[in-house]
Amino acid sequence: MDQRTAKFLALLLTAVFISGCAGQQTRARSSVVDYLYPQKTDVRIKPSTPVLRLPIKVGIAFVPEQQSRHRGLNLWSWSGVSSGLTLTEQKKHLLLEKVAEHFRQYDYISDIEVIPSAYLTPGGSFANLEQIKTMYGTDVIALVSYDQVQFTDEGFLSLTYWTLVGAYVVSGEKNDTSTMMDTAVYDISSKKMLFRAPGTSSVKGSSTPVNLSEELRQDSLKSFDEATAMMIANLDTELSKFKEKVKEEPEKVKVVHKPGYSGGGGAMGALELLIWLLAGVMLRTGLRNRSGMA
């Protein structure tokens, strides 16, 4: 190797090193796709027609986190010295309780159980969900995933997150925190996704290097809270759409009532039907009486 080639290689390696450092961001993520459909399995999952027995018991849980990844010259580190990512198990529970509390108001939901992350195994798929169904008696499971990245430099300021229906791209600036959260609601027995809803957040950072780590931690928490609030609103919207879909296409989702339950859901309850029948009888009787008096 001549001297000119050696200098060129040295300059190239230096440029690669500098670019790699300049392109460093901190990222934490989990994926419903990787949890339910792991690449290692050869078994084809074939969903069947869901049968929702009202009132339903719902479980809600975060799917397991992913390992750290490297993207080209861009170093994605799971947890570094300057990392602000703070989604602890306690924080997960608080976020899930916000979601659960909002949906406990509906009479066709008997209860919403927050499932600890420890009970979901990486790549556990529907076999793992069947175990949770046996343990908690849940009919439906809401699987929550997230992808949060904190940009602490000027390079590669974007986040691409793959969901069940496609990719979301979020851009950022230096010291920004961008979060994508996604909830996919599944009927466990049929292995059918009922509906899903995302939530996003972007928190602008303005910290000096002196207190950067502390601000990044606070921005991380704030971004998770904002993304969760948006996700709850979108879940409400998607749930309303799902109820209408059940009425319009009853062959795709069957709704039955458990003994002793007569309200809510896609079908008219027995009590509601009885009230309408009585109202009809009274109306016809009143019309006949008026006709006789005329």
Protein backbone atom coordinates (compact mmCIF):
# COMPACT_ATOMS: atom_id res chain seq x y z
CA MET A 1 0.00 0.00 0.00
CA ASP A 2 1.55 3.30 -1.08
CA GLN A 3 1.58 6.46 1.03
CA ARG A 4 -1.20 8.18 -0.95
CA THR A 5 -3.56 5.21 -0.50
CA ALA A 6 -2.77 5.04 3.21
CA LYS A 7 -3.60 8.74 3.69
CA PHE A 8 -6.84 8.33 1.75
CA LEU A 9 -7.94 5.39 3.92
CA ALA A 10 -7.01 7.29 7.08
CA LEU A 11 -9.11 10.29 5.98
CA LEU A 12 -12.00 8.00 5.05
CA LEU A 13 -11.98 6.25 8.43
CA THR A 14 -11.82 9.61 10.21
CA ALA A 15 -14.81 10.87 8.23
CA VAL A 16 -16.77 7.70 9.02
CA PHE A 17 -15.95 8.04 12.71
CA ILE A 18 -16.97 11.70 12.83
CA SER A 19 -20.17 11.02 10.88
CA GLY A 20 -21.05 8.18 13.22
CA CYS A 21 -20.64 10.42 16.25
CA ALA A 22 -22.57 13.25 14.62
CA GLY A 23 -25.38 10.89 13.75
CA GLN A 24 -25.96 9.53 17.24
CA GLN A 25 -29.45 9.54 18.65
CA THR A 26 -31.01 7.68 21.57
CA ARG A 27 -33.94 5.44 20.80
CA ALA A 28 -36.27 3.11 22.71
CA ARG A 29 -38.95 1.09 20.96
CA SER A 30 -41.27 -1.88 20.99
CA SER A 31 -43.27 -3.47 18.19
CA VAL A 32 -46.64 -5.24 18.02
CA VAL A 33 -45.59 -6.72 14.68
CA ASP A 34 -42.46 -8.35 16.13
CA TYR A 35 -44.38 -9.58 19.18
CA LEU A 36 -47.30 -11.17 17.34
CA TYR A 37 -45.55 -12.23 14.15
CA PRO A 38 -41.94 -13.11 15.03
CA GLN A 39 -39.72 -14.06 12.10
CA LYS A 40 -38.61 -17.26 13.78
CA THR A 41 -42.04 -18.87 13.53
CA ASP A 42 -43.17 -20.76 10.43
CA VAL A 43 -46.75 -21.15 11.62
CA ARG A 44 -49.23 -19.15 9.57
CA ILE A 45 -51.73 -17.33 11.73
CA LYS A 46 -55.23 -17.51 10.26
CA PRO A 47 -57.76 -15.21 11.97
CA SER A 48 -61.37 -16.35 12.24
CA THR A 49 -64.62 -14.45 12.77
CA PRO A 50 -64.58 -12.76 16.20
CA VAL A 51 -67.40 -13.53 18.63
CA LEU A 52 -67.68 -10.75 21.22
CA ARG A 53 -69.59 -11.80 24.32
CA LEU A 54 -70.80 -8.67 26.09
CA PRO A 55 -69.86 -7.37 28.52
CA ILE A 56 -66.26 -8.11 27.62
CA LYS A 57 -63.22 -8.15 29.87
CA VAL A 58 -60.26 -6.33 28.34
CA GLY A 59 -56.57 -6.61 29.09
CA ILE A 60 -54.09 -3.88 28.23
CA ALA A 61 -50.32 -4.22 28.14
CA PHE A 62 -47.12 -2.89 26.64
CA VAL A 63 -45.44 -5.37 24.30
CA PRO A 64 -41.78 -6.23 25.04
CA GLU A 65 -39.08 -3.74 24.06
CA GLN A 66 -36.66 -4.29 21.19
CA GLN A 67 -32.90 -4.66 21.48
CA SER A 68 -30.62 -1.82 20.39
CA ARG A 69 -30.01 -1.44 16.65
CA HIS A 70 -27.47 0.19 14.37
CA ARG A 71 -28.68 2.01 11.26
CA GLY A 72 -25.79 2.69 8.85
CA LEU A 73 -23.57 5.41 10.31
CA ASN A 74 -26.31 6.24 12.75
CA LEU A 75 -25.72 4.76 16.21
CA TRP A 76 -28.95 3.89 18.04
CA SER A 77 -28.12 3.27 21.68
CA TRP A 78 -30.62 1.68 24.08
CA SER A 79 -29.37 3.64 27.09
CA GLY A 80 -26.37 5.91 27.18
CA VAL A 81 -24.93 8.39 29.64
CA SER A 82 -26.93 11.26 28.18
CA SER A 83 -30.11 9.26 27.61
CA GLY A 84 -33.33 10.81 28.83
CA LEU A 85 -35.59 7.85 28.03
CA THR A 86 -37.44 6.98 31.22
CA LEU A 87 -40.26 4.52 30.44
CA THR A 88 -39.98 2.46 33.59
CA GLU A 89 -42.45 -0.26 34.58
CA GLN A 90 -44.08 2.20 36.98
CA LYS A 91 -44.50 4.77 34.20
CA LYS A 92 -45.95 2.11 31.89
CA HIS A 93 -48.53 1.23 34.54
CA LEU A 94 -49.52 4.89 34.96
CA LEU A 95 -49.94 5.37 31.21
CA LEU A 96 -52.00 2.19 30.85
CA GLU A 97 -54.19 3.21 33.80
CA LYS A 98 -54.99 6.47 31.98
CA VAL A 99 -56.21 4.49 29.00
CA ALA A 100 -58.09 1.94 31.13
CA GLU A 101 -59.81 4.57 33.27
CA HIS A 102 -61.14 6.34 30.19
CA PHE A 103 -62.78 3.19 28.77
CA ARG A 104 -64.17 1.77 32.01
CA GLN A 105 -67.11 4.15 31.56
CA TYR A 106 -68.68 1.95 28.87
CA ASP A 107 -71.25 -0.54 30.14
CA TYR A 108 -70.31 -3.20 27.57
CA ILE A 109 -66.83 -3.41 29.14
CA SER A 110 -67.01 -5.36 32.38
CA ASP A 111 -63.44 -4.53 33.40
CA ILE A 112 -60.04 -3.50 32.04
CA GLU A 113 -57.07 -5.30 33.54
CA VAL A 114 -53.58 -3.75 33.33
CA ILE A 115 -51.19 -6.61 32.52
CA PRO A 116 -47.59 -6.32 33.80
CA SER A 117 -44.95 -6.34 31.06
CA ALA A 118 -43.26 -9.34 32.67
CA TYR A 119 -46.13 -11.58 31.52
CA LEU A 120 -45.50 -10.81 27.84
CA THR A 121 -42.52 -12.69 26.39
CA PRO A 122 -40.61 -11.41 23.33
CA GLY A 123 -42.05 -13.02 20.21
CA GLY A 124 -44.66 -14.77 22.37
CA SER A 125 -47.39 -14.25 19.76
CA PHE A 126 -50.92 -15.61 20.29
CA ALA A 127 -49.70 -18.56 22.38
CA ASN A 128 -48.58 -16.02 24.98
CA LEU A 129 -51.93 -14.20 24.70
CA GLU A 130 -53.78 -17.46 25.35
CA GLN A 131 -51.78 -17.81 28.58
CA ILE A 132 -52.78 -14.28 29.60
CA LYS A 133 -56.41 -15.06 28.74
CA THR A 134 -56.28 -18.08 31.06
CA MET A 135 -54.60 -16.11 33.86
CA TYR A 136 -56.79 -13.00 33.74
CA GLY A 137 -59.97 -14.19 32.01
CA THR A 138 -59.62 -11.50 29.33
CA ASP A 139 -61.59 -11.75 26.08
CA VAL A 140 -59.86 -8.90 24.27
CA ILE A 141 -56.32 -7.52 24.57
CA ALA A 142 -55.11 -4.01 23.79
CA LEU A 143 -51.43 -4.19 22.86
CA VAL A 144 -49.53 -0.93 23.24
CA SER A 145 -46.23 -0.28 21.49
CA TYR A 146 -44.06 2.81 21.30
CA ASP A 147 -41.09 4.33 19.52
CA GLN A 148 -39.31 7.30 21.05
CA VAL A 149 -36.17 8.97 19.77
CA GLN A 150 -34.25 11.91 21.17
CA PHE A 151 -32.17 13.93 18.73
CA THR A 152 -29.09 15.31 20.46
CA ASP A 153 -27.16 16.44 17.37
CA GLU A 154 -27.59 17.90 13.92
CA GLY A 155 -27.57 14.69 11.86
CA PHE A 156 -30.21 12.14 10.78
CA LEU A 157 -33.06 13.99 12.48
CA SER A 158 -35.93 11.67 11.60
CA LEU A 159 -37.75 8.65 12.98
CA THR A 160 -39.47 5.94 10.96
CA TYR A 161 -41.80 3.64 12.88
CA TRP A 162 -43.44 0.62 11.24
CA THR A 163 -46.94 -0.24 12.40
CA LEU A 164 -49.37 -2.93 11.28
CA VAL A 165 -50.68 -0.67 8.53
CA GLY A 166 -47.55 1.13 7.37
CA ALA A 167 -44.80 3.52 8.35
CA TYR A 168 -44.92 6.80 10.25
CA VAL A 169 -42.11 9.29 9.70
CA VAL A 170 -41.42 11.96 12.34
CA SER A 171 -38.78 14.64 11.87
CA GLY A 172 -36.97 16.54 14.60
CA GLU A 173 -34.33 19.08 15.49
CA LYS A 174 -31.44 19.14 17.94
CA ASN A 175 -32.49 18.09 21.49
CA ASP A 176 -36.03 17.28 20.30
CA THR A 177 -37.96 14.27 21.61
CA SER A 178 -40.37 12.53 19.22
CA THR A 179 -42.72 9.76 20.32
CA MET A 180 -45.03 7.43 18.45
CA MET A 181 -47.46 5.25 20.41
CA ASP A 182 -49.82 2.69 18.90
CA THR A 183 -52.55 0.48 20.34
CA ALA A 184 -53.83 -2.57 18.48
CA VAL A 185 -56.98 -4.21 19.93
CA TYR A 186 -57.26 -7.96 19.32
CA ASP A 187 -59.88 -10.60 20.01
CA ILE A 188 -57.68 -13.31 21.49
CA SER A 189 -59.72 -16.39 20.52
CA SER A 190 -60.14 -15.45 16.85
CA LYS A 191 -56.68 -13.80 16.54
CA LYS A 192 -58.43 -10.95 14.73
CA MET A 193 -57.50 -7.29 15.09
CA LEU A 194 -60.66 -5.30 15.83
CA PHE A 195 -59.23 -1.78 15.48
CA ARG A 196 -56.13 0.26 16.24
CA ALA A 197 -55.21 3.87 17.00
CA PRO A 198 -51.95 5.85 17.13
CA GLY A 199 -50.78 8.84 19.13
CA THR A 200 -47.79 11.08 18.46
CA SER A 201 -45.88 13.84 20.21
CA SER A 202 -42.93 16.09 19.48
CA VAL A 203 -41.34 18.04 22.33
CA LYS A 204 -38.96 20.83 21.35
CA GLY A 205 -35.80 20.97 23.46
CA SER A 206 -33.77 24.07 24.28
CA SER A 207 -31.33 22.86 26.92
CA THR A 208 -27.71 23.87 27.43
CA PRO A 209 -25.11 21.09 27.76
CA VAL A 210 -25.01 21.67 31.54
CA ASN A 211 -28.51 20.34 32.26
CA LEU A 212 -29.13 18.39 29.04
CA SER A 213 -29.58 14.98 30.68
CA GLU A 214 -32.22 16.23 33.14
CA GLU A 215 -34.18 18.06 30.45
CA LEU A 216 -34.08 15.03 28.18
CA ARG A 217 -35.59 12.92 30.96
CA GLN A 218 -38.37 15.45 31.52
CA ASP A 219 -38.99 15.80 27.79
CA SER A 220 -39.22 12.01 27.51
CA LEU A 221 -41.95 11.82 30.17
CA LYS A 222 -43.82 14.77 28.71
CA SER A 223 -43.73 13.28 25.22
CA PHE A 224 -45.08 9.93 26.44
CA ASP A 225 -47.92 11.73 28.25
CA GLU A 226 -48.82 13.79 25.18
CA ALA A 227 -48.73 10.77 22.86
CA THR A 228 -50.91 8.79 25.28
CA ALA A 229 -53.52 11.59 25.43
CA MET A 230 -53.72 11.71 21.63
CA MET A 231 -53.91 7.92 21.46
CA ILE A 232 -56.84 7.83 23.91
CA ALA A 233 -58.75 10.36 21.80
CA ASN A 234 -58.06 8.35 18.65
CA LEU A 235 -59.08 5.12 20.38
CA ASP A 236 -62.42 6.72 21.25
CA THR A 237 -62.92 7.65 17.60
CA GLU A 238 -61.91 4.23 16.30
CA LEU A 239 -64.15 2.49 18.85
CA SER A 240 -67.14 4.48 17.59
CA LYS A 241 -66.27 3.51 14.02
CA PHE A 242 -65.95 -0.12 15.05
CA LYS A 243 -69.42 -0.11 16.66
CA GLU A 244 -70.93 1.26 13.46
CA LYS A 245 -69.07 -1.35 11.42
CA VAL A 246 -70.50 -4.11 13.62
CA LYS A 247 -74.03 -2.84 12.90
CA GLU A 248 -73.44 -2.48 9.17
CA GLU A 249 -71.50 -5.74 8.68
CA PRO A 250 -72.70 -8.19 11.36
CA GLU A 251 -71.26 -11.14 9.42
CA LYS A 252 -67.72 -9.93 10.12
CA VAL A 253 -68.08 -9.62 13.90
CA LYS A 254 -70.65 -11.55 15.91
CA VAL A 255 -72.00 -9.95 19.08
CA VAL A 256 -73.77 -12.02 21.74
CA HIS A 257 -74.84 -11.18 25.26
CA LYS A 258 -73.74 -13.08 28.33
CA PRO A 259 -76.52 -14.26 30.69
CA GLY A 260 -77.88 -11.35 32.69
CA TYR A 261 -76.57 -8.66 30.35
CA SER A 262 -78.90 -6.75 28.05
CA GLY A 263 -77.26 -3.44 27.16
CA GLY A 264 -74.61 -1.87 24.93
CA GLY A 265 -72.76 -3.32 22.01
CA GLY A 266 -73.59 -3.62 18.35
CA ALA A 267 -76.97 -5.30 18.87
CA MET A 268 -80.08 -3.89 20.53
CA GLY A 269 -80.47 -5.09 24.11
CA ALA A 270 -83.56 -7.02 25.25
CA LEU A 271 -84.63 -4.25 27.65
CA GLU A 272 -84.22 -1.58 24.97
CA LEU A 273 -86.24 -3.70 22.53
CA LEU A 274 -89.01 -4.20 25.10
CA ILE A 275 -89.24 -0.44 25.72
CA TRP A 276 -89.57 0.24 22.01
CA LEU A 277 -92.29 -2.42 21.66
CA LEU A 278 -94.27 -1.00 24.59
CA ALA A 279 -93.92 2.50 23.17
CA GLY A 280 -95.25 1.24 19.84
CA VAL A 281 -98.23 -0.46 21.48
CA MET A 282 -99.09 2.67 23.47
CA LEU A 283 -98.81 4.83 20.38
CA ARG A 284 -101.12 2.59 18.35
CA THR A 285 -103.63 2.44 21.24
CA GLY A 286 -103.62 6.22 21.55
CA LEU A 287 -104.21 6.64 17.82
CA ARG A 288 -107.16 4.21 17.88
CA ASN A 289 -108.70 6.00 20.87
CA ARG A 290 -108.41 9.33 19.10
CA SER A 291 -110.00 7.86 15.99
CA GLY A 292 -112.92 6.54 18.07
CA MET A 293 -113.46 9.90 19.75
CA ALA A 294 -113.42 11.79 16.44
